[in-house]
Protein backbone atom coordinates (compact mmCIF):
# COMPACT_ATOMS: atom_id res chain seq x y z
CA MET A 1 35.01 -28.90 11.68
CA PRO A 2 36.16 -25.85 9.71
CA THR A 3 33.43 -23.87 8.00
CA ASP A 4 33.86 -22.61 4.45
CA THR A 5 34.15 -18.84 4.44
CA VAL A 6 34.13 -16.04 1.90
CA ARG A 7 36.08 -12.86 2.57
CA LEU A 8 34.01 -9.85 1.57
CA THR A 9 33.55 -6.28 2.66
CA VAL A 10 30.31 -5.42 4.43
CA ALA A 11 29.06 -3.70 1.28
CA GLN A 12 30.01 -6.65 -0.95
CA ALA A 13 28.32 -9.05 1.46
CA ILE A 14 25.08 -7.03 1.40
CA VAL A 15 24.96 -6.86 -2.40
CA THR A 16 25.82 -10.55 -2.79
CA TYR A 17 23.25 -11.59 -0.21
CA LEU A 18 20.46 -9.48 -1.75
CA SER A 19 21.12 -10.93 -5.18
CA ARG A 20 20.31 -14.43 -3.91
CA GLN A 21 17.04 -13.85 -2.06
CA TYR A 22 13.74 -14.99 -3.59
CA SER A 23 10.10 -14.67 -2.69
CA VAL A 24 7.64 -17.51 -3.22
CA ALA A 25 3.91 -16.80 -3.43
CA ASP A 26 1.03 -18.42 -5.28
CA GLY A 27 3.42 -20.86 -6.93
CA GLN A 28 5.65 -18.10 -8.32
CA ARG A 29 9.33 -17.71 -7.41
CA ARG A 30 10.98 -14.40 -8.19
CA ARG A 31 13.85 -12.20 -7.10
CA LEU A 32 12.86 -10.44 -3.91
CA ILE A 33 15.13 -7.46 -4.67
CA PRO A 34 15.98 -7.43 -8.38
CA ALA A 35 17.71 -4.03 -8.45
CA ALA A 36 18.99 -1.10 -6.40
CA LEU A 37 18.35 2.61 -6.75
CA GLY A 38 20.31 5.46 -5.26
CA ILE A 39 22.50 8.52 -5.30
CA PHE A 40 26.15 8.36 -4.28
CA GLY A 41 27.94 10.81 -2.07
CA HIS A 42 30.00 10.95 1.11
CA GLY A 43 28.87 8.05 3.21
CA ASN A 44 28.12 5.44 0.55
CA VAL A 45 30.20 5.96 -2.60
CA ALA A 46 33.32 4.14 -1.39
CA GLY A 47 31.43 1.23 0.17
CA ILE A 48 28.03 0.38 -1.29
CA GLY A 49 28.91 2.32 -4.45
CA GLN A 50 32.02 0.26 -5.09
CA ALA A 51 30.20 -2.99 -4.38
CA LEU A 52 27.28 -2.18 -6.69
CA ASP A 53 29.71 -1.28 -9.46
CA GLN A 54 31.76 -4.42 -8.98
CA LEU A 55 28.73 -6.71 -8.70
CA SER A 56 26.42 -5.01 -11.19
CA ASP A 57 25.65 -8.30 -12.92
CA ALA A 58 24.24 -9.65 -9.66
CA LEU A 59 22.33 -6.53 -8.60
CA PRO A 60 21.74 -3.88 -11.28
CA PHE A 61 21.91 -0.25 -10.15
CA ILE A 62 19.85 2.70 -11.35
CA GLN A 63 20.95 6.20 -10.40
CA GLY A 64 18.32 8.80 -9.56
CA ARG A 65 18.15 12.52 -8.91
CA ASN A 66 16.14 12.72 -5.70
CA GLU A 67 16.26 10.30 -2.79
CA GLN A 68 12.64 10.73 -1.72
CA ALA A 69 11.46 10.09 -5.27
CA LEU A 70 13.53 6.90 -5.42
CA VAL A 71 11.87 5.54 -2.27
CA HIS A 72 8.48 6.30 -3.82
CA VAL A 73 9.57 4.43 -6.95
CA ALA A 74 10.55 1.42 -4.84
CA THR A 75 7.23 1.62 -2.97
CA ALA A 76 5.28 1.76 -6.23
CA TYR A 77 7.25 -1.22 -7.52
CA ALA A 78 6.37 -3.17 -4.39
CA LYS A 79 2.69 -2.33 -4.79
CA ALA A 80 2.68 -3.27 -8.48
CA SER A 81 4.29 -6.60 -7.63
CA ARG A 82 1.69 -7.21 -4.88
CA ARG A 83 4.53 -7.12 -2.32
CA HIS A 84 6.26 -10.11 -3.88
CA ALA A 85 9.28 -7.95 -4.76
CA THR A 86 10.75 -4.57 -3.95
CA LEU A 87 13.85 -2.46 -4.58
CA ALA A 88 16.76 -1.37 -2.43
CA VAL A 89 17.54 2.35 -2.15
CA THR A 90 20.86 3.78 -0.98
CA ALA A 91 21.76 7.36 -0.10
CA SER A 92 24.62 9.30 1.42
CA ILE A 93 24.68 10.42 5.03
CA GLY A 94 23.14 13.78 5.86
CA PRO A 95 20.54 15.32 3.56
CA GLY A 96 20.60 12.30 1.26
CA ALA A 97 19.48 9.97 4.01
CA LEU A 98 17.07 12.49 5.47
CA ASN A 99 15.37 12.89 2.09
CA MET A 100 14.25 9.26 2.35
CA VAL A 101 12.36 9.68 5.63
CA THR A 102 9.04 10.74 4.07
CA GLY A 103 9.17 7.81 1.65
CA ALA A 104 9.82 5.43 4.54
CA GLY A 105 6.72 6.71 6.32
CA VAL A 106 4.58 6.27 3.21
CA ALA A 107 5.79 2.69 2.75
CA THR A 108 5.19 1.70 6.36
CA VAL A 109 1.74 3.29 6.63
CA ASN A 110 0.66 1.47 3.47
CA ARG A 111 2.31 -1.85 4.42
CA LEU A 112 4.56 -1.82 1.38
CA PRO A 113 8.09 -3.26 1.64
CA VAL A 114 11.13 -1.15 0.79
CA LEU A 115 14.78 -1.69 1.76
CA LEU A 116 16.70 1.48 2.62
CA LEU A 117 20.51 1.48 2.89
CA PRO A 118 21.56 4.96 4.05
CA GLY A 119 25.17 5.78 4.80
CA ASP A 120 25.93 6.69 8.40
CA SER A 121 28.60 8.56 10.34
CA TYR A 122 31.95 6.93 11.08
CA ALA A 123 31.74 4.15 13.64
CA THR A 124 35.38 4.70 14.65
CA ARG A 125 34.72 8.40 15.33
CA ARG A 126 38.21 9.26 14.14
CA GLN A 127 36.56 11.73 11.82
CA GLY A 128 34.13 14.41 12.91
CA PRO A 129 30.86 15.15 11.14
CA VAL A 130 31.40 16.22 7.54
CA LEU A 131 29.18 18.39 5.39
CA GLN A 132 25.59 18.23 6.66
CA GLN A 133 25.78 15.27 9.01
CA LEU A 134 23.90 15.75 12.24
CA GLN A 135 25.98 16.47 15.30
CA HIS A 136 23.78 16.10 18.36
CA PRO A 137 24.93 18.21 21.33
CA ILE A 138 23.89 15.57 23.90
CA GLU A 139 23.61 12.16 22.19
CA ALA A 140 26.94 11.42 20.57
CA ASP A 141 25.73 8.29 18.79
CA THR A 142 22.78 10.01 17.08
CA SER A 143 22.73 10.60 13.34
CA VAL A 144 20.05 11.66 10.88
CA ASN A 145 19.24 7.99 10.39
CA ASP A 146 17.69 7.82 13.84
CA ALA A 147 14.78 9.71 12.30
CA PHE A 148 13.88 6.41 10.60
CA ARG A 149 13.31 4.58 13.89
CA PRO A 150 9.63 5.48 14.46
CA LEU A 151 8.86 5.00 10.75
CA ALA A 152 10.58 1.69 10.06
CA ARG A 153 9.21 -1.80 10.59
CA PHE A 154 12.81 -2.89 11.17
CA PHE A 155 15.85 -0.75 11.93
CA ASP A 156 19.46 -1.72 12.56
CA ARG A 157 22.76 0.13 12.53
CA ILE A 158 25.60 -2.11 11.35
CA THR A 159 28.63 -1.21 13.45
CA ARG A 160 30.44 -4.54 13.06
CA PRO A 161 30.69 -6.78 9.97
CA GLU A 162 29.38 -9.90 11.71
CA GLN A 163 26.12 -8.15 12.58
CA LEU A 164 24.99 -8.88 9.02
CA LEU A 165 24.62 -12.54 9.97
CA THR A 166 21.45 -11.72 11.88
CA ALA A 167 20.46 -8.33 10.43
CA LEU A 168 20.07 -9.46 6.83
CA PRO A 169 17.74 -12.44 7.51
CA ALA A 170 15.71 -10.28 9.91
CA ALA A 171 15.34 -7.65 7.20
CA MET A 172 14.15 -10.22 4.66
CA ARG A 173 11.64 -11.63 7.13
CA VAL A 174 10.01 -8.23 7.56
CA LEU A 175 10.03 -7.49 3.83
CA THR A 176 8.10 -10.69 3.15
CA ASP A 177 5.67 -10.47 6.08
CA PRO A 178 2.19 -9.46 4.80
CA VAL A 179 1.26 -8.04 8.22
CA ASP A 180 4.42 -6.41 9.54
CA THR A 181 6.03 -5.25 6.31
CA GLY A 182 7.01 -1.67 5.52
CA ALA A 183 10.26 0.27 5.44
CA VAL A 184 13.33 -1.73 6.47
CA VAL A 185 16.39 0.38 7.28
CA LEU A 186 19.97 -0.81 7.60
CA ALA A 187 22.10 2.20 8.54
CA LEU A 188 25.66 1.67 7.30
CA PRO A 189 28.52 3.69 8.82
CA GLN A 190 30.75 4.74 5.96
CA ASP A 191 33.92 3.18 7.36
CA ILE A 192 32.22 -0.12 8.26
CA GLN A 193 30.99 -0.57 4.68
CA SER A 194 34.57 -1.21 3.58
CA HIS A 195 35.58 -3.50 6.45
CA ALA A 196 36.38 -7.04 5.31
CA TYR A 197 35.21 -10.14 7.14
CA ASP A 198 35.28 -13.91 6.64
CA TYR A 199 31.59 -14.66 6.22
CA PRO A 200 30.23 -18.22 6.24
CA ALA A 201 29.71 -19.26 2.64
CA GLU A 202 26.27 -20.63 3.50
CA LEU A 203 25.05 -17.08 4.16
CA PHE A 204 25.14 -16.47 0.42
CA ALA A 205 23.28 -19.57 -0.70
CA GLU A 206 20.00 -18.91 -2.53
CA ARG A 207 17.11 -18.66 -0.10
CA ASP A 208 13.36 -18.70 -0.63
CA TRP A 209 11.05 -16.62 1.55
CA THR A 210 7.45 -17.80 1.49
CA ILE A 211 4.84 -15.05 1.61
CA ARG A 212 2.20 -16.71 3.73
CA ARG A 213 -1.56 -16.41 3.62
CA PRO A 214 -2.84 -16.67 7.19
CA PRO A 215 -6.06 -18.75 7.16
CA SER A 216 -9.18 -17.64 8.98
CA ASP A 217 -10.47 -19.37 12.08
CA PRO A 218 -13.48 -21.56 11.14
CA ALA A 219 -15.46 -20.26 14.12
CA GLU A 220 -14.94 -16.66 12.97
CA VAL A 221 -15.98 -17.58 9.43
CA GLU A 222 -19.10 -19.29 10.73
CA ALA A 223 -20.09 -16.21 12.75
CA VAL A 224 -19.77 -14.08 9.61
CA VAL A 225 -21.78 -16.59 7.58
CA GLN A 226 -24.64 -16.36 10.04
CA LEU A 227 -24.74 -12.58 9.79
CA LEU A 228 -24.49 -12.51 5.99
CA ALA A 229 -26.95 -15.34 5.44
CA ASN A 230 -29.64 -13.46 7.32
CA ALA A 231 -28.85 -10.02 5.96
CA GLU A 232 -31.49 -8.32 3.82
CA ARG A 233 -29.23 -5.59 2.44
CA PRO A 234 -25.59 -6.69 2.78
CA LEU A 235 -22.80 -4.52 1.41
CA ILE A 236 -19.09 -5.23 0.90
CA ILE A 237 -16.27 -2.72 1.30
CA ALA A 238 -13.29 -4.00 -0.71
CA GLY A 239 -10.06 -2.65 0.77
CA GLY A 240 -6.36 -2.70 0.02
CA GLY A 241 -6.00 -6.16 1.49
CA VAL A 242 -8.03 -7.51 -1.43
CA VAL A 243 -5.51 -6.05 -3.87
CA MET A 244 -2.39 -7.13 -1.98
CA SER A 245 -3.67 -10.71 -1.61
CA ASN A 246 -4.58 -10.98 -5.31
CA GLY A 247 -8.11 -11.46 -4.07
CA VAL A 248 -10.17 -9.47 -6.57
CA GLU A 249 -11.62 -12.60 -8.18
CA ALA A 250 -12.47 -14.02 -4.75
CA ALA A 251 -14.16 -10.74 -3.79
CA VAL A 252 -16.22 -10.88 -6.99
CA ALA A 253 -17.27 -14.46 -6.25
CA LEU A 254 -18.32 -13.49 -2.73
CA ALA A 255 -20.28 -10.48 -3.95
CA GLU A 256 -22.08 -12.63 -6.50
CA ALA A 257 -22.86 -15.29 -3.90
CA LEU A 258 -24.49 -12.60 -1.75
CA ASP A 259 -25.77 -10.54 -4.68
CA ALA A 260 -24.39 -7.64 -2.63
CA PRO A 261 -23.19 -4.25 -3.89
CA VAL A 262 -19.51 -3.46 -3.45
CA CYS A 263 -17.82 -0.18 -2.55
CA ASN A 264 -14.09 0.44 -2.81
CA SER A 265 -12.30 1.80 0.22
CA TYR A 266 -10.37 5.05 -0.03
CA LEU A 267 -7.62 4.97 -2.70
CA HIS A 268 -8.28 1.32 -3.58
CA ASN A 269 -10.35 1.57 -6.74
CA ASP A 270 -8.55 -1.51 -8.07
CA SER A 271 -10.01 -3.74 -5.34
CA PHE A 272 -13.14 -4.49 -7.39
CA PRO A 273 -13.77 -4.20 -11.17
CA ALA A 274 -15.68 -1.05 -12.07
CA SER A 275 -17.27 -2.89 -14.99
CA HIS A 276 -19.08 -5.33 -12.69
CA ARG A 277 -22.82 -4.89 -12.19
CA LEU A 278 -22.44 -4.94 -8.38
CA TRP A 279 -19.82 -2.18 -8.22
CA CYS A 280 -21.14 1.12 -6.89
CA GLY A 281 -17.98 3.21 -6.54
CA PRO A 282 -15.59 4.38 -3.84
CA LEU A 283 -16.29 5.67 -0.35
CA GLY A 284 -14.57 8.47 1.49
CA TYR A 285 -13.58 12.01 0.65
CA HIS A 286 -13.66 11.30 -3.07
CA GLY A 287 -16.51 8.81 -2.92
CA SER A 288 -19.40 8.41 -5.32
CA LYS A 289 -22.95 9.45 -4.51
CA ALA A 290 -24.16 5.95 -5.39
CA ALA A 291 -21.84 4.38 -2.81
CA MET A 292 -22.93 6.87 -0.14
CA LYS A 293 -26.63 6.18 -0.73
CA ILE A 294 -26.29 2.41 -0.90
CA ILE A 295 -24.22 2.03 2.25
CA ALA A 296 -26.73 4.18 4.13
CA ARG A 297 -29.36 1.44 3.50
CA ALA A 298 -27.19 -1.55 4.44
CA ASP A 299 -28.02 -3.72 7.42
CA VAL A 300 -24.74 -5.68 7.35
CA VAL A 301 -21.43 -4.22 6.13
CA LEU A 302 -18.49 -6.54 5.39
CA ALA A 303 -15.14 -4.69 5.37
CA LEU A 304 -12.92 -7.08 3.43
CA GLY A 305 -9.20 -6.38 3.78
CA SER A 306 -9.78 -2.90 5.18
CA ARG A 307 -8.43 -1.17 8.26
CA LEU A 308 -11.47 1.15 8.19
CA GLY A 309 -9.27 4.21 8.14
CA PRO A 310 -10.36 7.79 8.81
CA PHE A 311 -10.56 8.85 5.16
CA GLY A 312 -12.93 6.11 4.17
CA VAL A 313 -15.95 5.05 6.12
CA LEU A 314 -15.86 5.89 9.81
CA PRO A 315 -18.77 7.97 11.11
CA GLN A 316 -16.78 9.51 13.93
CA TYR A 317 -14.78 11.40 11.30
CA GLY A 318 -17.81 13.26 10.01
CA PHE A 319 -19.30 10.84 7.50
CA ASP A 320 -23.06 10.99 7.98
CA TYR A 321 -23.94 8.27 5.49
CA TRP A 322 -23.00 5.36 7.75
CA PRO A 323 -26.05 3.19 8.57
CA ALA A 324 -26.82 3.68 12.25
CA SER A 325 -28.08 0.17 12.94
CA ALA A 326 -25.90 -1.85 10.55
CA LYS A 327 -23.74 -4.67 11.85
CA LEU A 328 -20.09 -4.35 10.88
CA ILE A 329 -17.84 -7.29 9.96
CA GLN A 330 -14.11 -6.64 9.60
CA VAL A 331 -11.68 -9.00 7.85
CA ASP A 332 -7.95 -8.24 7.92
CA ALA A 333 -4.64 -10.10 8.10
CA ASP A 334 -3.39 -7.80 10.86
CA PRO A 335 -5.00 -8.64 14.23
CA LYS A 336 -3.86 -5.28 15.63
CA VAL A 337 -6.39 -3.35 13.51
CA LEU A 338 -9.37 -5.57 14.20
CA GLY A 339 -12.23 -4.40 16.37
CA LEU A 340 -10.95 -0.87 16.93
CA VAL A 341 -14.19 0.57 15.55
CA LYS A 342 -16.93 0.47 18.18
CA LYS A 343 -19.55 -0.60 15.66
CA THR A 344 -17.68 -3.84 14.89
CA SER A 345 -19.85 -6.92 15.51
CA VAL A 346 -17.57 -9.69 14.22
CA THR A 347 -13.90 -9.80 13.21
CA VAL A 348 -11.99 -12.29 11.10
CA ASN A 349 -8.22 -12.46 11.24
CA GLY A 350 -6.87 -13.80 7.97
CA ASP A 351 -5.85 -13.24 4.38
CA ALA A 352 -8.55 -11.34 2.46
CA ARG A 353 -8.54 -13.69 -0.53
CA GLU A 354 -8.68 -16.83 1.58
CA ALA A 355 -11.41 -15.38 3.79
CA ALA A 356 -13.51 -14.31 0.80
CA ALA A 357 -13.15 -17.75 -0.79
CA ALA A 358 -14.09 -19.49 2.47
CA LEU A 359 -17.14 -17.28 2.92
CA ALA A 360 -18.31 -17.72 -0.68
CA ALA A 361 -17.97 -21.50 -0.45
CA ARG A 362 -19.76 -21.62 2.88
CA LEU A 363 -22.60 -19.37 1.73
CA ALA A 364 -23.11 -21.37 -1.42
CA GLY A 365 -24.16 -24.32 0.72
CA ALA A 366 -26.05 -22.44 3.40
CA PRO A 367 -29.84 -22.75 3.12
CA ALA A 368 -30.29 -19.57 5.15
CA ALA A 369 -28.37 -17.64 2.51
CA GLU A 370 -30.76 -18.81 -0.20
CA ALA A 371 -33.74 -17.86 1.94
CA ALA A 372 -32.35 -14.40 2.60
CA ARG A 373 -31.86 -13.81 -1.09
């Protein structure tokens, strides 16, 4: 049977597709990419530029003055939206694309989704490098966009129009994955952007992407409960995972169930309310003296939604306040970061909010917890 098709250029297909993608989390449905940022030049003005101008009602465009700054804006937007939405950023080939590399690294390291659409050199190779495009003396297919490869959570170079059929859904999957999200890069050769293709109409139907909350294994939760219930001086480190999972209220409930002080991990002062009686400040290079003294006395430390990075709490990086005999519990949605610290006693793989809620509920009914308190 014939399939309904829509004839669009690659650039028009990308803009149309992005305008119809939605994220769904905590009962809220919203545009995954509500707008695009960028600067036009050789490499993107005649393709993506034309499409954004033509389809501005579907995907509004905001012009900037510096490509790196625009990626930082998109990253900040993603953080403010708790990773439920982000922005697309386009740049020309050459220095425009290369200016976005630092921003891509920042987004990936901090697990914040951004979609980068840099122009790329001609796929047909009928034209040589123009202006400041990279011309590699050995690798003829290399461009400045290859610098994104080690920094991106997903990278693809679109050299044929039909590649969008798999590249676009793959990009959306990474943008909405709470574990594997970061910079997503679709390098777009400047001639391919204007190639027309008969795309299946179903590609442009509205699509919802559920941002999942991986639950914790009951056995792992029970092991943590046993440690916390018998702790005399428990302490909680509230990390970035608490913020990204909208888990501040759950962290507060857990802290109150344990009557345990709470320290913020490095650069995550919003992971626990400073007005709460159990808050004792941040750890790390810019930590508070109260937090340093309190953690030094702890016998059980619960790192909630924290990778236990080098700037925050790890003793092997020169922090002498870490309690030598304390048992360490680590909770994180990313299994790849669990248990890397030698002091770790128990790990829990799961969403920080869901894990905190499960622990609070379990402790509330645990007789040992009441005895320890």
